[in-house]
Structure formats: structure tokens, C-alpha cells
Amino acid sequence: MRVYVGNAPFSMSDGELRTLFEEYGAVDSAVIITNRESGRSRGFGFVEMTDDGQANRAIEELNNREVGGRPLVVNQARPREERPAGRGARRQRF
């Protein structure tokens, strides 16, 4: 199961995220999403866990838990929405 972790401390690393979830079971991957240009954390990440029961327990236990002074938002990740291809900036009309 893929788990979304939001409102993570900006100082949290992939390893710290993995360690946090390993308390509940085997973690296949854990990644904090970073800004492409600056490399700084965007304050959220994703964890992949093979066992859905362990993942659900982690969601229940970690949602709203304070880590680094911030209450985590933890839930099952939703499928990524399709976005139109583009350069990222929208033109303003006057």
C-alpha cells in the first residue's frame, strides 16, 4: 500500500521517514518529495508498505502524531491526477 505523509518537518530525511514507519512493519520505500530547483523538502512524502494491515495500523497510529513540532497528516495515497503537459507557468489574460 502506498501511504501519503503530509505536514512533515522540512528537516525530515528519507531515512527518518523510513525509520518512523518501520515501527509498524516492513517498508519497501520511503521518500520525502523535494523541490527540483532548490532540493529542499516540500513537506510531504510517500511510504510503500507490502502488508496492507501493517500500513493501515501505521496510518491509524501516525495520523496527527506530532513529529518535529508538526502534526503529521497520514492516509492512503490517492492515484496521481493527470495534469496537462506544459511549461508550468500559466499566462495571465488582461
N, C-alpha and C. Protein backbone atom coordinates (compact mmCIF):
# COMPACT_ATOMS: atom_id res chain seq x y z
N MET A 1 0.84 -1.17 0.00
CA MET A 1 0.00 0.00 0.00
C MET A 1 0.89 1.24 0.00
N ARG A 2 0.47 2.22 -0.75
CA ARG A 2 1.19 3.49 -0.80
C ARG A 2 0.53 4.45 0.19
N VAL A 3 1.34 5.04 1.06
CA VAL A 3 0.85 5.91 2.13
C VAL A 3 1.39 7.32 1.91
N TYR A 4 0.50 8.30 2.01
CA TYR A 4 0.86 9.71 1.91
C TYR A 4 1.18 10.23 3.30
N VAL A 5 2.25 10.99 3.43
CA VAL A 5 2.63 11.61 4.69
C VAL A 5 2.79 13.10 4.44
N GLY A 6 1.85 13.88 4.97
CA GLY A 6 1.88 15.33 4.78
C GLY A 6 2.22 16.06 6.07
N ASN A 7 2.52 17.34 5.92
CA ASN A 7 2.87 18.23 7.03
C ASN A 7 4.12 17.73 7.77
N ALA A 8 5.01 17.08 7.04
CA ALA A 8 6.24 16.57 7.63
C ALA A 8 7.20 17.73 7.90
N PRO A 9 8.02 17.61 8.94
CA PRO A 9 9.02 18.65 9.18
C PRO A 9 9.93 18.79 7.95
N PHE A 10 10.29 20.00 7.61
CA PHE A 10 11.14 20.23 6.43
C PHE A 10 12.53 19.62 6.60
N SER A 11 12.90 19.32 7.84
CA SER A 11 14.21 18.72 8.10
C SER A 11 14.19 17.19 8.00
N MET A 12 13.01 16.58 7.84
CA MET A 12 12.91 15.12 7.80
C MET A 12 13.57 14.55 6.54
N SER A 13 14.34 13.49 6.74
CA SER A 13 15.02 12.83 5.62
C SER A 13 14.25 11.56 5.24
N ASP A 14 14.63 10.99 4.09
CA ASP A 14 14.04 9.72 3.66
C ASP A 14 14.26 8.65 4.74
N GLY A 15 15.47 8.61 5.30
CA GLY A 15 15.79 7.62 6.32
C GLY A 15 14.96 7.78 7.59
N GLU A 16 14.74 9.01 8.00
CA GLU A 16 13.92 9.25 9.19
C GLU A 16 12.47 8.83 8.95
N LEU A 17 11.97 9.09 7.75
CA LEU A 17 10.62 8.68 7.40
C LEU A 17 10.51 7.16 7.42
N ARG A 18 11.50 6.49 6.85
CA ARG A 18 11.53 5.02 6.83
C ARG A 18 11.54 4.46 8.26
N THR A 19 12.40 5.01 9.10
CA THR A 19 12.51 4.55 10.49
C THR A 19 11.19 4.71 11.23
N LEU A 20 10.51 5.82 11.01
CA LEU A 20 9.22 6.08 11.65
C LEU A 20 8.21 5.00 11.31
N PHE A 21 8.17 4.58 10.04
CA PHE A 21 7.20 3.58 9.59
C PHE A 21 7.63 2.15 9.88
N GLU A 22 8.92 1.90 10.01
CA GLU A 22 9.40 0.54 10.29
C GLU A 22 8.94 0.04 11.65
N GLU A 23 8.50 0.94 12.53
CA GLU A 23 7.93 0.51 13.82
C GLU A 23 6.67 -0.33 13.60
N TYR A 24 6.04 -0.20 12.43
CA TYR A 24 4.76 -0.86 12.16
C TYR A 24 4.86 -2.01 11.17
N GLY A 25 6.02 -2.20 10.56
CA GLY A 25 6.19 -3.30 9.62
C GLY A 25 7.26 -3.00 8.58
N ALA A 26 7.33 -3.90 7.60
CA ALA A 26 8.33 -3.79 6.54
C ALA A 26 8.01 -2.64 5.60
N VAL A 27 9.03 -1.84 5.33
CA VAL A 27 8.89 -0.69 4.43
C VAL A 27 9.67 -0.98 3.15
N ASP A 28 8.97 -0.92 2.02
CA ASP A 28 9.63 -1.13 0.73
C ASP A 28 10.39 0.12 0.29
N SER A 29 9.78 1.28 0.50
CA SER A 29 10.44 2.54 0.14
C SER A 29 9.83 3.67 0.95
N ALA A 30 10.64 4.71 1.15
CA ALA A 30 10.19 5.92 1.84
C ALA A 30 10.92 7.09 1.20
N VAL A 31 10.16 8.09 0.76
CA VAL A 31 10.80 9.21 0.09
C VAL A 31 10.10 10.51 0.47
N ILE A 32 10.92 11.51 0.77
CA ILE A 32 10.44 12.87 1.00
C ILE A 32 10.54 13.59 -0.33
N ILE A 33 9.48 14.24 -0.75
CA ILE A 33 9.46 14.94 -2.04
C ILE A 33 10.18 16.28 -1.89
N THR A 34 11.06 16.57 -2.84
CA THR A 34 11.84 17.80 -2.79
C THR A 34 11.57 18.69 -4.00
N ASN A 35 11.86 19.96 -3.83
CA ASN A 35 11.75 20.94 -4.91
C ASN A 35 12.86 20.67 -5.92
N ARG A 36 12.52 20.65 -7.18
CA ARG A 36 13.51 20.35 -8.22
C ARG A 36 14.66 21.33 -8.27
N GLU A 37 14.34 22.62 -8.15
CA GLU A 37 15.38 23.65 -8.27
C GLU A 37 16.26 23.74 -7.02
N SER A 38 15.62 23.82 -5.86
CA SER A 38 16.38 24.06 -4.63
C SER A 38 16.82 22.79 -3.92
N GLY A 39 16.14 21.66 -4.16
CA GLY A 39 16.46 20.43 -3.47
C GLY A 39 15.90 20.38 -2.05
N ARG A 40 15.18 21.41 -1.64
CA ARG A 40 14.61 21.46 -0.29
C ARG A 40 13.32 20.65 -0.22
N SER A 41 13.03 20.14 0.97
CA SER A 41 11.82 19.37 1.20
C SER A 41 10.58 20.20 0.91
N ARG A 42 9.57 19.54 0.35
CA ARG A 42 8.28 20.20 0.13
C ARG A 42 7.31 19.91 1.27
N GLY A 43 7.76 19.18 2.29
CA GLY A 43 6.96 18.93 3.48
C GLY A 43 6.01 17.74 3.39
N PHE A 44 6.23 16.89 2.39
CA PHE A 44 5.42 15.68 2.30
C PHE A 44 6.22 14.58 1.63
N GLY A 45 5.70 13.36 1.77
CA GLY A 45 6.40 12.23 1.18
C GLY A 45 5.47 11.03 1.05
N PHE A 46 6.06 9.91 0.62
CA PHE A 46 5.30 8.69 0.41
C PHE A 46 6.07 7.50 0.96
N VAL A 47 5.32 6.55 1.50
CA VAL A 47 5.90 5.32 2.02
C VAL A 47 5.17 4.17 1.36
N GLU A 48 5.92 3.17 0.91
CA GLU A 48 5.34 1.94 0.34
C GLU A 48 5.53 0.81 1.34
N MET A 49 4.42 0.16 1.69
CA MET A 49 4.46 -0.99 2.59
C MET A 49 3.74 -2.15 1.91
N THR A 50 4.34 -3.34 1.96
CA THR A 50 3.77 -4.51 1.30
C THR A 50 2.50 -4.99 1.98
N ASP A 51 2.51 -5.02 3.30
CA ASP A 51 1.39 -5.56 4.08
C ASP A 51 0.37 -4.46 4.36
N ASP A 52 -0.84 -4.59 3.79
CA ASP A 52 -1.88 -3.58 3.97
C ASP A 52 -2.31 -3.43 5.43
N GLY A 53 -2.32 -4.52 6.17
CA GLY A 53 -2.69 -4.45 7.59
C GLY A 53 -1.70 -3.60 8.37
N GLN A 54 -0.42 -3.80 8.10
CA GLN A 54 0.61 -3.00 8.77
C GLN A 54 0.51 -1.54 8.35
N ALA A 55 0.25 -1.32 7.07
CA ALA A 55 0.12 0.05 6.57
C ALA A 55 -1.07 0.75 7.22
N ASN A 56 -2.20 0.05 7.34
CA ASN A 56 -3.38 0.65 7.98
C ASN A 56 -3.13 0.96 9.45
N ARG A 57 -2.40 0.09 10.12
CA ARG A 57 -2.06 0.35 11.52
C ARG A 57 -1.16 1.58 11.63
N ALA A 58 -0.19 1.71 10.73
CA ALA A 58 0.70 2.87 10.72
C ALA A 58 -0.10 4.15 10.49
N ILE A 59 -1.06 4.09 9.56
CA ILE A 59 -1.91 5.26 9.28
C ILE A 59 -2.66 5.67 10.54
N GLU A 60 -3.28 4.69 11.21
CA GLU A 60 -4.06 4.98 12.42
C GLU A 60 -3.19 5.56 13.53
N GLU A 61 -2.01 4.99 13.70
CA GLU A 61 -1.13 5.40 14.80
C GLU A 61 -0.40 6.72 14.52
N LEU A 62 -0.05 6.97 13.27
CA LEU A 62 0.79 8.14 12.96
C LEU A 62 0.00 9.38 12.55
N ASN A 63 -1.23 9.22 12.10
CA ASN A 63 -2.02 10.39 11.70
C ASN A 63 -2.22 11.29 12.92
N ASN A 64 -1.88 12.55 12.78
CA ASN A 64 -1.95 13.58 13.83
C ASN A 64 -0.87 13.45 14.91
N ARG A 65 0.06 12.50 14.76
CA ARG A 65 1.17 12.42 15.72
C ARG A 65 2.12 13.60 15.46
N GLU A 66 2.53 14.25 16.52
CA GLU A 66 3.43 15.38 16.38
C GLU A 66 4.86 14.88 16.20
N VAL A 67 5.48 15.33 15.12
CA VAL A 67 6.87 15.00 14.82
C VAL A 67 7.56 16.31 14.43
N GLY A 68 8.60 16.64 15.14
CA GLY A 68 9.32 17.88 14.85
C GLY A 68 8.45 19.12 15.02
N GLY A 69 7.51 19.05 15.96
CA GLY A 69 6.64 20.20 16.22
C GLY A 69 5.49 20.35 15.25
N ARG A 70 5.27 19.35 14.38
CA ARG A 70 4.19 19.42 13.40
C ARG A 70 3.34 18.16 13.45
N PRO A 71 2.01 18.29 13.43
CA PRO A 71 1.15 17.10 13.40
C PRO A 71 1.12 16.50 11.99
N LEU A 72 1.55 15.27 11.88
CA LEU A 72 1.57 14.61 10.56
C LEU A 72 0.15 14.36 10.06
N VAL A 73 0.00 14.41 8.74
CA VAL A 73 -1.23 14.01 8.07
C VAL A 73 -0.87 12.73 7.32
N VAL A 74 -1.45 11.60 7.75
CA VAL A 74 -1.09 10.30 7.18
C VAL A 74 -2.36 9.61 6.71
N ASN A 75 -2.38 9.23 5.43
CA ASN A 75 -3.52 8.50 4.89
C ASN A 75 -3.10 7.70 3.67
N GLN A 76 -4.01 6.87 3.19
CA GLN A 76 -3.71 6.09 1.99
C GLN A 76 -3.58 7.05 0.82
N ALA A 77 -2.52 6.90 0.06
CA ALA A 77 -2.28 7.78 -1.08
C ALA A 77 -3.32 7.55 -2.17
N ARG A 78 -3.78 8.64 -2.75
CA ARG A 78 -4.71 8.56 -3.87
C ARG A 78 -3.91 8.49 -5.17
N PRO A 79 -4.52 7.93 -6.22
CA PRO A 79 -3.81 7.89 -7.51
C PRO A 79 -3.48 9.31 -7.97
N ARG A 80 -2.37 9.44 -8.63
CA ARG A 80 -1.93 10.73 -9.13
C ARG A 80 -2.88 11.23 -10.21
N GLU A 81 -3.25 12.50 -10.10
CA GLU A 81 -4.15 13.08 -11.09
C GLU A 81 -3.38 13.45 -12.36
N GLU A 82 -4.04 13.26 -13.48
CA GLU A 82 -3.44 13.65 -14.75
C GLU A 82 -3.42 15.16 -14.85
N ARG A 83 -2.30 15.71 -15.25
CA ARG A 83 -2.17 17.15 -15.45
C ARG A 83 -1.78 17.40 -16.89
N PRO A 84 -2.28 18.49 -17.44
CA PRO A 84 -1.89 18.79 -18.81
C PRO A 84 -0.40 19.12 -18.89
N ALA A 85 0.21 18.68 -19.97
CA ALA A 85 1.63 18.98 -20.17
C ALA A 85 1.79 20.46 -20.44
N GLY A 86 2.86 21.01 -19.96
CA GLY A 86 3.09 22.44 -20.19
C GLY A 86 4.39 22.86 -19.56
N ARG A 87 4.60 24.15 -19.57
CA ARG A 87 5.85 24.69 -19.05
C ARG A 87 5.74 25.05 -17.58
N GLY A 88 4.57 24.82 -16.98
CA GLY A 88 4.43 25.08 -15.56
C GLY A 88 3.84 26.43 -15.23
N ALA A 89 4.04 27.41 -16.07
CA ALA A 89 3.50 28.74 -15.79
C ALA A 89 2.31 29.01 -16.71
N ARG A 90 1.29 29.56 -16.12
CA ARG A 90 0.10 29.91 -16.90
C ARG A 90 0.21 31.37 -17.33
N ARG A 91 -0.27 31.62 -18.51
CA ARG A 91 -0.29 33.02 -18.98
C ARG A 91 -1.49 33.73 -18.39
N GLN A 92 -1.26 34.94 -17.98
CA GLN A 92 -2.34 35.74 -17.46
C GLN A 92 -2.98 36.52 -18.61
N ARG A 93 -4.28 36.61 -18.53
CA ARG A 93 -5.01 37.39 -19.53
C ARG A 93 -5.43 38.70 -18.91
N PHE A 94 -5.25 39.76 -19.66
CA PHE A 94 -5.64 41.09 -19.17
C PHE A 94 -6.82 41.60 -19.92
